[in-house]
Amino acid sequence: MIQSLAVVNAIVTMGYKATGNKFTVSFNGSKGYLNDITIGCEGTQIADNRIMYQELLNKDGSLKSINVNVFYSNEHGVRISTGKDEPRVVYSDLN
């Protein structure tokens, strides 16, 4: 589904409704290849909010059928991950 703009639209719409902040979805590449996907939000971004494209691929180059989790807190910003992890506190050196 990552190839569908409707999915990107759903992410930014749900993100805005849940936080009241602007959400962005960025596709970052190098030398003509997709490198990573970053989801961001207005304000502080302490957590890792990037998924490397290679994490989304099977050995044959097709897209895996996996969940992408998006977590948000006012203090730490957006954190995204693949798999079945739960929300957790992200500590930073900024405190």
PDB file of N, CA and C in Angstrom:
ATOM      1  N   MET A   1       0.814  -1.213   0.000  1.00  0.00           N
ATOM      2  CA  MET A   1       0.000   0.000   0.000  1.00  0.00           C
ATOM      3  C   MET A   1       0.849   1.265   0.000  1.00  0.00           C
ATOM      4  N   ILE A   2       2.118   1.150   0.213  1.00  0.00           N
ATOM      5  CA  ILE A   2       2.940   2.356   0.286  1.00  0.00           C
ATOM      6  C   ILE A   2       2.988   3.079  -1.057  1.00  0.00           C
ATOM      7  N   GLN A   3       2.614   2.381  -2.119  1.00  0.00           N
ATOM      8  CA  GLN A   3       2.612   2.979  -3.438  1.00  0.00           C
ATOM      9  C   GLN A   3       1.379   3.846  -3.657  1.00  0.00           C
ATOM     10  N   SER A   4       0.450   3.816  -2.756  1.00  0.00           N
ATOM     11  CA  SER A   4      -0.807   4.546  -2.904  1.00  0.00           C
ATOM     12  C   SER A   4      -0.748   5.889  -2.185  1.00  0.00           C
ATOM     13  N   LEU A   5      -1.053   6.968  -2.887  1.00  0.00           N
ATOM     14  CA  LEU A   5      -1.093   8.289  -2.253  1.00  0.00           C
ATOM     15  C   LEU A   5      -2.196   8.384  -1.206  1.00  0.00           C
ATOM     16  N   ALA A   6      -3.205   7.544  -1.309  1.00  0.00           N
ATOM     17  CA  ALA A   6      -4.265   7.537  -0.303  1.00  0.00           C
ATOM     18  C   ALA A   6      -3.717   7.147   1.063  1.00  0.00           C
ATOM     19  N   VAL A   7      -2.702   6.280   1.087  1.00  0.00           N
ATOM     20  CA  VAL A   7      -2.084   5.876   2.352  1.00  0.00           C
ATOM     21  C   VAL A   7      -1.348   7.061   2.966  1.00  0.00           C
ATOM     22  N   VAL A   8      -0.594   7.789   2.157  1.00  0.00           N
ATOM     23  CA  VAL A   8       0.116   8.974   2.649  1.00  0.00           C
ATOM     24  C   VAL A   8      -0.886   9.998   3.164  1.00  0.00           C
ATOM     25  N   ASN A   9      -1.956  10.203   2.420  1.00  0.00           N
ATOM     26  CA  ASN A   9      -3.002  11.139   2.847  1.00  0.00           C
ATOM     27  C   ASN A   9      -3.606  10.704   4.175  1.00  0.00           C
ATOM     28  N   ALA A  10      -3.855   9.424   4.350  1.00  0.00           N
ATOM     29  CA  ALA A  10      -4.420   8.920   5.612  1.00  0.00           C
ATOM     30  C   ALA A  10      -3.468   9.164   6.770  1.00  0.00           C
ATOM     31  N   ILE A  11      -2.162   8.972   6.559  1.00  0.00           N
ATOM     32  CA  ILE A  11      -1.181   9.187   7.619  1.00  0.00           C
ATOM     33  C   ILE A  11      -1.193  10.641   8.069  1.00  0.00           C
ATOM     34  N   VAL A  12      -1.129  11.573   7.117  1.00  0.00           N
ATOM     35  CA  VAL A  12      -1.073  12.981   7.511  1.00  0.00           C
ATOM     36  C   VAL A  12      -2.405  13.455   8.100  1.00  0.00           C
ATOM     37  N   THR A  13      -3.520  12.928   7.613  1.00  0.00           N
ATOM     38  CA  THR A  13      -4.828  13.298   8.163  1.00  0.00           C
ATOM     39  C   THR A  13      -4.988  12.780   9.589  1.00  0.00           C
ATOM     40  N   MET A  14      -4.684  11.497   9.799  1.00  0.00           N
ATOM     41  CA  MET A  14      -4.792  10.927  11.143  1.00  0.00           C
ATOM     42  C   MET A  14      -3.809  11.590  12.095  1.00  0.00           C
ATOM     43  N   GLY A  15      -2.612  11.873  11.606  1.00  0.00           N
ATOM     44  CA  GLY A  15      -1.609  12.535  12.435  1.00  0.00           C
ATOM     45  C   GLY A  15      -2.063  13.905  12.884  1.00  0.00           C
ATOM     46  N   TYR A  16      -2.634  14.663  11.982  1.00  0.00           N
ATOM     47  CA  TYR A  16      -3.123  15.995  12.341  1.00  0.00           C
ATOM     48  C   TYR A  16      -4.290  15.905  13.329  1.00  0.00           C
ATOM     49  N   LYS A  17      -5.228  15.014  13.055  1.00  0.00           N
ATOM     50  CA  LYS A  17      -6.383  14.886  13.942  1.00  0.00           C
ATOM     51  C   LYS A  17      -5.986  14.440  15.345  1.00  0.00           C
ATOM     52  N   ALA A  18      -4.964  13.584  15.450  1.00  0.00           N
ATOM     53  CA  ALA A  18      -4.543  13.078  16.752  1.00  0.00           C
ATOM     54  C   ALA A  18      -3.712  14.084  17.536  1.00  0.00           C
ATOM     55  N   THR A  19      -2.993  14.969  16.848  1.00  0.00           N
ATOM     56  CA  THR A  19      -2.048  15.853  17.533  1.00  0.00           C
ATOM     57  C   THR A  19      -2.365  17.337  17.413  1.00  0.00           C
ATOM     58  N   GLY A  20      -3.110  17.715  16.385  1.00  0.00           N
ATOM     59  CA  GLY A  20      -3.342  19.136  16.128  1.00  0.00           C
ATOM     60  C   GLY A  20      -2.139  19.818  15.501  1.00  0.00           C
ATOM     61  N   ASN A  21      -1.134  19.050  15.094  1.00  0.00           N
ATOM     62  CA  ASN A  21       0.079  19.582  14.477  1.00  0.00           C
ATOM     63  C   ASN A  21       0.183  19.125  13.031  1.00  0.00           C
ATOM     64  N   LYS A  22       0.907  19.890  12.221  1.00  0.00           N
ATOM     65  CA  LYS A  22       1.150  19.507  10.832  1.00  0.00           C
ATOM     66  C   LYS A  22       2.005  18.246  10.796  1.00  0.00           C
ATOM     67  N   PHE A  23       1.645  17.297   9.952  1.00  0.00           N
ATOM     68  CA  PHE A  23       2.401  16.061   9.755  1.00  0.00           C
ATOM     69  C   PHE A  23       2.982  16.068   8.351  1.00  0.00           C
ATOM     70  N   THR A  24       4.149  15.484   8.192  1.00  0.00           N
ATOM     71  CA  THR A  24       4.763  15.355   6.876  1.00  0.00           C
ATOM     72  C   THR A  24       5.198  13.912   6.656  1.00  0.00           C
ATOM     73  N   VAL A  25       5.173  13.497   5.410  1.00  0.00           N
ATOM     74  CA  VAL A  25       5.719  12.212   5.002  1.00  0.00           C
ATOM     75  C   VAL A  25       6.724  12.514   3.904  1.00  0.00           C
ATOM     76  N   SER A  26       7.983  12.159   4.138  1.00  0.00           N
ATOM     77  CA  SER A  26       9.050  12.450   3.183  1.00  0.00           C
ATOM     78  C   SER A  26       9.642  11.161   2.646  1.00  0.00           C
ATOM     79  N   PHE A  27       9.830  11.124   1.345  1.00  0.00           N
ATOM     80  CA  PHE A  27      10.501  10.011   0.691  1.00  0.00           C
ATOM     81  C   PHE A  27      11.874  10.524   0.283  1.00  0.00           C
ATOM     82  N   ASN A  28      12.927   9.967   0.869  1.00  0.00           N
ATOM     83  CA  ASN A  28      14.283  10.457   0.659  1.00  0.00           C
ATOM     84  C   ASN A  28      15.081   9.434  -0.136  1.00  0.00           C
ATOM     85  N   GLY A  29      15.765   9.927  -1.158  1.00  0.00           N
ATOM     86  CA  GLY A  29      16.517   9.025  -2.001  1.00  0.00           C
ATOM     87  C   GLY A  29      17.904   9.515  -2.315  1.00  0.00           C
ATOM     88  N   SER A  30      18.653   8.638  -2.946  1.00  0.00           N
ATOM     89  CA  SER A  30      20.007   8.947  -3.365  1.00  0.00           C
ATOM     90  C   SER A  30      20.294   8.194  -4.654  1.00  0.00           C
ATOM     91  N   LYS A  31      20.855   8.878  -5.633  1.00  0.00           N
ATOM     92  CA  LYS A  31      21.242   8.269  -6.911  1.00  0.00           C
ATOM     93  C   LYS A  31      20.079   7.540  -7.576  1.00  0.00           C
ATOM     94  N   GLY A  32      18.885   8.097  -7.453  1.00  0.00           N
ATOM     95  CA  GLY A  32      17.726   7.515  -8.115  1.00  0.00           C
ATOM     96  C   GLY A  32      17.041   6.384  -7.379  1.00  0.00           C
ATOM     97  N   TYR A  33      17.474   6.082  -6.160  1.00  0.00           N
ATOM     98  CA  TYR A  33      16.874   4.998  -5.391  1.00  0.00           C
ATOM     99  C   TYR A  33      16.297   5.530  -4.092  1.00  0.00           C
ATOM    100  N   LEU A  34      15.172   4.970  -3.675  1.00  0.00           N
ATOM    101  CA  LEU A  34      14.570   5.339  -2.398  1.00  0.00           C
ATOM    102  C   LEU A  34      15.456   4.836  -1.265  1.00  0.00           C
ATOM    103  N   ASN A  35      15.812   5.720  -0.369  1.00  0.00           N
ATOM    104  CA  ASN A  35      16.679   5.371   0.750  1.00  0.00           C
ATOM    105  C   ASN A  35      15.888   5.159   2.033  1.00  0.00           C
ATOM    106  N   ASP A  36      15.007   6.114   2.372  1.00  0.00           N
ATOM    107  CA  ASP A  36      14.217   5.994   3.584  1.00  0.00           C
ATOM    108  C   ASP A  36      12.942   6.805   3.472  1.00  0.00           C
ATOM    109  N   ILE A  37      12.034   6.509   4.382  1.00  0.00           N
ATOM    110  CA  ILE A  37      10.764   7.229   4.504  1.00  0.00           C
ATOM    111  C   ILE A  37      10.750   7.836   5.892  1.00  0.00           C
ATOM    112  N   THR A  38      10.501   9.146   5.954  1.00  0.00           N
ATOM    113  CA  THR A  38      10.499   9.846   7.229  1.00  0.00           C
ATOM    114  C   THR A  38       9.130  10.449   7.472  1.00  0.00           C
ATOM    115  N   ILE A  39       8.613  10.268   8.679  1.00  0.00           N
ATOM    116  CA  ILE A  39       7.360  10.900   9.080  1.00  0.00           C
ATOM    117  C   ILE A  39       7.704  11.905  10.162  1.00  0.00           C
ATOM    118  N   GLY A  40       7.243  13.134   9.977  1.00  0.00           N
ATOM    119  CA  GLY A  40       7.568  14.184  10.926  1.00  0.00           C
ATOM    120  C   GLY A  40       6.344  14.940  11.381  1.00  0.00           C
ATOM    121  N   CYS A  41       6.541  15.758  12.385  1.00  0.00           N
ATOM    122  CA  CYS A  41       5.473  16.545  12.965  1.00  0.00           C
ATOM    123  C   CYS A  41       6.066  17.863  13.424  1.00  0.00           C
ATOM    124  N   GLU A  42       5.257  18.902  13.479  1.00  0.00           N
ATOM    125  CA  GLU A  42       5.721  20.178  14.005  1.00  0.00           C
ATOM    126  C   GLU A  42       6.301  19.979  15.394  1.00  0.00           C
ATOM    127  N   GLY A  43       7.339  20.717  15.702  1.00  0.00           N
ATOM    128  CA  GLY A  43       7.904  20.669  17.046  1.00  0.00           C
ATOM    129  C   GLY A  43       9.095  19.752  17.149  1.00  0.00           C
ATOM    130  N   THR A  44       9.385  19.332  18.355  1.00  0.00           N
ATOM    131  CA  THR A  44      10.554  18.517  18.670  1.00  0.00           C
ATOM    132  C   THR A  44      10.459  17.138  18.032  1.00  0.00           C
ATOM    133  N   GLN A  45      11.565  16.653  17.496  1.00  0.00           N
ATOM    134  CA  GLN A  45      11.642  15.310  16.919  1.00  0.00           C
ATOM    135  C   GLN A  45      12.823  14.585  17.553  1.00  0.00           C
ATOM    136  N   ILE A  46      12.647  14.080  18.758  1.00  0.00           N
ATOM    137  CA  ILE A  46      13.725  13.397  19.468  1.00  0.00           C
ATOM    138  C   ILE A  46      13.823  11.938  19.041  1.00  0.00           C
ATOM    139  N   ALA A  47      12.692  11.309  18.836  1.00  0.00           N
ATOM    140  CA  ALA A  47      12.671   9.877  18.515  1.00  0.00           C
ATOM    141  C   ALA A  47      13.125   9.643  17.078  1.00  0.00           C
ATOM    142  N   ASP A  48      13.453   8.385  16.776  1.00  0.00           N
ATOM    143  CA  ASP A  48      13.811   8.010  15.412  1.00  0.00           C
ATOM    144  C   ASP A  48      12.527   7.953  14.601  1.00  0.00           C
ATOM    145  N   ASN A  49      12.390   8.834  13.629  1.00  0.00           N
ATOM    146  CA  ASN A  49      11.151   8.901  12.854  1.00  0.00           C
ATOM    147  C   ASN A  49      11.388   8.514  11.401  1.00  0.00           C
ATOM    148  N   ARG A  50      12.268   7.547  11.197  1.00  0.00           N
ATOM    149  CA  ARG A  50      12.655   7.163   9.839  1.00  0.00           C
ATOM    150  C   ARG A  50      12.656   5.646   9.712  1.00  0.00           C
ATOM    151  N   ILE A  51      12.183   5.164   8.581  1.00  0.00           N
ATOM    152  CA  ILE A  51      12.254   3.739   8.250  1.00  0.00           C
ATOM    153  C   ILE A  51      13.113   3.606   7.007  1.00  0.00           C
ATOM    154  N   MET A  52      14.125   2.772   7.107  1.00  0.00           N
ATOM    155  CA  MET A  52      14.980   2.527   5.952  1.00  0.00           C
ATOM    156  C   MET A  52      14.224   1.645   4.966  1.00  0.00           C
ATOM    157  N   TYR A  53      14.319   1.987   3.702  1.00  0.00           N
ATOM    158  CA  TYR A  53      13.587   1.282   2.653  1.00  0.00           C
ATOM    159  C   TYR A  53      13.913  -0.207   2.627  1.00  0.00           C
ATOM    160  N   GLN A  54      15.162  -0.563   2.888  1.00  0.00           N
ATOM    161  CA  GLN A  54      15.564  -1.974   2.860  1.00  0.00           C
ATOM    162  C   GLN A  54      14.798  -2.814   3.882  1.00  0.00           C
ATOM    163  N   GLU A  55      14.353  -2.188   4.980  1.00  0.00           N
ATOM    164  CA  GLU A  55      13.568  -2.908   5.990  1.00  0.00           C
ATOM    165  C   GLU A  55      12.214  -3.346   5.455  1.00  0.00           C
ATOM    166  N   LEU A  56      11.757  -2.719   4.371  1.00  0.00           N
ATOM    167  CA  LEU A  56      10.433  -2.987   3.836  1.00  0.00           C
ATOM    168  C   LEU A  56      10.436  -4.013   2.704  1.00  0.00           C
ATOM    169  N   LEU A  57      11.625  -4.507   2.327  1.00  0.00           N
ATOM    170  CA  LEU A  57      11.736  -5.392   1.174  1.00  0.00           C
ATOM    171  C   LEU A  57      12.019  -6.836   1.555  1.00  0.00           C
ATOM    172  N   ASN A  58      11.442  -7.748   0.769  1.00  0.00           N
ATOM    173  CA  ASN A  58      11.815  -9.157   0.836  1.00  0.00           C
ATOM    174  C   ASN A  58      13.116  -9.347   0.068  1.00  0.00           C
ATOM    175  N   LYS A  59      13.700 -10.545   0.149  1.00  0.00           N
ATOM    176  CA  LYS A  59      14.953 -10.821  -0.564  1.00  0.00           C
ATOM    177  C   LYS A  59      14.811 -10.680  -2.067  1.00  0.00           C
ATOM    178  N   ASP A  60      13.602 -10.942  -2.585  1.00  0.00           N
ATOM    179  CA  ASP A  60      13.392 -10.838  -4.030  1.00  0.00           C
ATOM    180  C   ASP A  60      13.063  -9.415  -4.479  1.00  0.00           C
ATOM    181  N   GLY A  61      13.069  -8.453  -3.550  1.00  0.00           N
ATOM    182  CA  GLY A  61      12.827  -7.052  -3.900  1.00  0.00           C
ATOM    183  C   GLY A  61      11.377  -6.617  -3.805  1.00  0.00           C
ATOM    184  N   SER A  62      10.468  -7.541  -3.512  1.00  0.00           N
ATOM    185  CA  SER A  62       9.058  -7.172  -3.352  1.00  0.00           C
ATOM    186  C   SER A  62       8.837  -6.581  -1.956  1.00  0.00           C
ATOM    187  N   LEU A  63       7.748  -5.828  -1.799  1.00  0.00           N
ATOM    188  CA  LEU A  63       7.440  -5.232  -0.505  1.00  0.00           C
ATOM    189  C   LEU A  63       6.896  -6.280   0.458  1.00  0.00           C
ATOM    190  N   LYS A  64       7.394  -6.248   1.696  1.00  0.00           N
ATOM    191  CA  LYS A  64       6.890  -7.130   2.740  1.00  0.00           C
ATOM    192  C   LYS A  64       5.472  -6.717   3.125  1.00  0.00           C
ATOM    193  N   SER A  65       4.741  -7.640   3.652  1.00  0.00           N
ATOM    194  CA  SER A  65       3.427  -7.345   4.205  1.00  0.00           C
ATOM    195  C   SER A  65       3.617  -7.176   5.716  1.00  0.00           C
ATOM    196  N   ILE A  66       3.950  -5.955   6.147  1.00  0.00           N
ATOM    197  CA  ILE A  66       4.245  -5.687   7.550  1.00  0.00           C
ATOM    198  C   ILE A  66       3.506  -4.437   8.007  1.00  0.00           C
ATOM    199  N   ASN A  67       3.332  -4.344   9.307  1.00  0.00           N
ATOM    200  CA  ASN A  67       2.755  -3.140   9.886  1.00  0.00           C
ATOM    201  C   ASN A  67       3.841  -2.095  10.069  1.00  0.00           C
ATOM    202  N   VAL A  68       3.466  -0.844   9.853  1.00  0.00           N
ATOM    203  CA  VAL A  68       4.325   0.278  10.184  1.00  0.00           C
ATOM    204  C   VAL A  68       3.621   1.028  11.302  1.00  0.00           C
ATOM    205  N   ASN A  69       4.255   1.079  12.471  1.00  0.00           N
ATOM    206  CA  ASN A  69       3.668   1.732  13.635  1.00  0.00           C
ATOM    207  C   ASN A  69       4.112   3.182  13.693  1.00  0.00           C
ATOM    208  N   VAL A  70       3.176   4.064  14.009  1.00  0.00           N
ATOM    209  CA  VAL A  70       3.474   5.484  14.170  1.00  0.00           C
ATOM    210  C   VAL A  70       3.063   5.874  15.588  1.00  0.00           C
ATOM    211  N   PHE A  71       4.038   6.311  16.394  1.00  0.00           N
ATOM    212  CA  PHE A  71       3.783   6.734  17.765  1.00  0.00           C
ATOM    213  C   PHE A  71       4.091   8.211  17.884  1.00  0.00           C
ATOM    214  N   TYR A  72       3.354   8.917  18.736  1.00  0.00           N
ATOM    215  CA  TYR A  72       3.557  10.354  18.898  1.00  0.00           C
ATOM    216  C   TYR A  72       3.397  10.743  20.361  1.00  0.00           C
ATOM    217  N   SER A  73       4.233  11.667  20.808  1.00  0.00           N
ATOM    218  CA  SER A  73       4.026  12.313  22.098  1.00  0.00           C
ATOM    219  C   SER A  73       4.451  13.769  21.942  1.00  0.00           C
ATOM    220  N   ASN A  74       3.809  14.659  22.717  1.00  0.00           N
ATOM    221  CA  ASN A  74       4.158  16.076  22.640  1.00  0.00           C
ATOM    222  C   ASN A  74       5.613  16.308  22.997  1.00  0.00           C
ATOM    223  N   GLU A  75       6.129  15.519  23.926  1.00  0.00           N
ATOM    224  CA  GLU A  75       7.494  15.712  24.407  1.00  0.00           C
ATOM    225  C   GLU A  75       8.555  15.221  23.432  1.00  0.00           C
ATOM    226  N   HIS A  76       8.286  14.092  22.751  1.00  0.00           N
ATOM    227  CA  HIS A  76       9.313  13.451  21.935  1.00  0.00           C
ATOM    228  C   HIS A  76       9.042  13.471  20.439  1.00  0.00           C
ATOM    229  N   GLY A  77       7.881  13.909  20.012  1.00  0.00           N
ATOM    230  CA  GLY A  77       7.586  13.932  18.589  1.00  0.00           C
ATOM    231  C   GLY A  77       7.141  12.585  18.076  1.00  0.00           C
ATOM    232  N   VAL A  78       7.476  12.306  16.835  1.00  0.00           N
ATOM    233  CA  VAL A  78       7.036  11.105  16.146  1.00  0.00           C
ATOM    234  C   VAL A  78       8.119  10.043  16.207  1.00  0.00           C
ATOM    235  N   ARG A  79       7.700   8.784  16.406  1.00  0.00           N
ATOM    236  CA  ARG A  79       8.588   7.633  16.261  1.00  0.00           C
ATOM    237  C   ARG A  79       7.868   6.621  15.411  1.00  0.00           C
ATOM    238  N   ILE A  80       8.531   6.095  14.392  1.00  0.00           N
ATOM    239  CA  ILE A  80       7.930   5.063  13.561  1.00  0.00           C
ATOM    240  C   ILE A  80       8.801   3.819  13.608  1.00  0.00           C
ATOM    241  N   SER A  81       8.170   2.682  13.411  1.00  0.00           N
ATOM    242  CA  SER A  81       8.902   1.425  13.420  1.00  0.00           C
ATOM    243  C   SER A  81       8.117   0.376  12.652  1.00  0.00           C
ATOM    244  N   THR A  82       8.792  -0.695  12.326  1.00  0.00           N
ATOM    245  CA  THR A  82       8.120  -1.844  11.714  1.00  0.00           C
ATOM    246  C   THR A  82       7.991  -2.916  12.780  1.00  0.00           C
ATOM    247  N   GLY A  83       7.023  -3.772  12.624  1.00  0.00           N
ATOM    248  CA  GLY A  83       6.858  -4.873  13.573  1.00  0.00           C
ATOM    249  C   GLY A  83       5.700  -4.657  14.514  1.00  0.00           C
ATOM    250  N   LYS A  84       5.795  -5.261  15.692  1.00  0.00           N
ATOM    251  CA  LYS A  84       4.694  -5.259  16.645  1.00  0.00           C
ATOM    252  C   LYS A  84       5.070  -4.596  17.959  1.00  0.00           C
ATOM    253  N   ASP A  85       6.018  -3.664  17.941  1.00  0.00           N
ATOM    254  CA  ASP A  85       6.434  -3.042  19.196  1.00  0.00           C
ATOM    255  C   ASP A  85       5.343  -2.129  19.748  1.00  0.00           C
ATOM    256  N   GLU A  86       5.480  -1.799  21.002  1.00  0.00           N
ATOM    257  CA  GLU A  86       4.510  -0.960  21.701  1.00  0.00           C
ATOM    258  C   GLU A  86       5.107   0.424  21.936  1.00  0.00           C
ATOM    259  N   PRO A  87       4.259   1.410  22.230  1.00  0.00           N
ATOM    260  CA  PRO A  87       4.795   2.731  22.564  1.00  0.00           C
ATOM    261  C   PRO A  87       5.744   2.617  23.753  1.00  0.00           C
ATOM    262  N   ARG A  88       6.800   3.390  23.735  1.00  0.00           N
ATOM    263  CA  ARG A  88       7.752   3.372  24.837  1.00  0.00           C
ATOM    264  C   ARG A  88       8.334   4.766  25.008  1.00  0.00           C
ATOM    265  N   VAL A  89       8.876   4.997  26.174  1.00  0.00           N
ATOM    266  CA  VAL A  89       9.502   6.281  26.460  1.00  0.00           C
ATOM    267  C   VAL A  89      10.839   6.328  25.726  1.00  0.00           C
ATOM    268  N   VAL A  90      11.079   7.420  25.032  1.00  0.00           N
ATOM    269  CA  VAL A  90      12.341   7.619  24.338  1.00  0.00           C
ATOM    270  C   VAL A  90      13.106   8.671  25.103  1.00  0.00           C
ATOM    271  N   TYR A  91      14.251   8.278  25.637  1.00  0.00           N
ATOM    272  CA  TYR A  91      15.051   9.209  26.425  1.00  0.00           C
ATOM    273  C   TYR A  91      16.035   9.928  25.514  1.00  0.00           C
ATOM    274  N   SER A  92      16.364  11.143  25.881  1.00  0.00           N
ATOM    275  CA  SER A  92      17.290  11.917  25.070  1.00  0.00           C
ATOM    276  C   SER A  92      18.345  12.572  25.946  1.00  0.00           C
ATOM    277  N   ASP A  93      19.385  13.042  25.303  1.00  0.00           N
ATOM    278  CA  ASP A  93      20.445  13.763  25.987  1.00  0.00           C
ATOM    279  C   ASP A  93      20.087  15.235  26.163  1.00  0.00           C
ATOM    280  N   LEU A  94      18.930  15.637  25.680  1.00  0.00           N
ATOM    281  CA  LEU A  94      18.522  17.034  25.737  1.00  0.00           C
ATOM    282  C   LEU A  94      18.005  17.445  27.105  1.00  0.00           C
ATOM    283  N   ASN A  95      17.692  16.479  27.981  1.00  0.00           N
ATOM    284  CA  ASN A  95      17.136  16.801  29.307  1.00  0.00           C
ATOM    285  C   ASN A  95      18.208  17.275  30.257  1.00  0.00           C
TER     286      ASN A  95
END
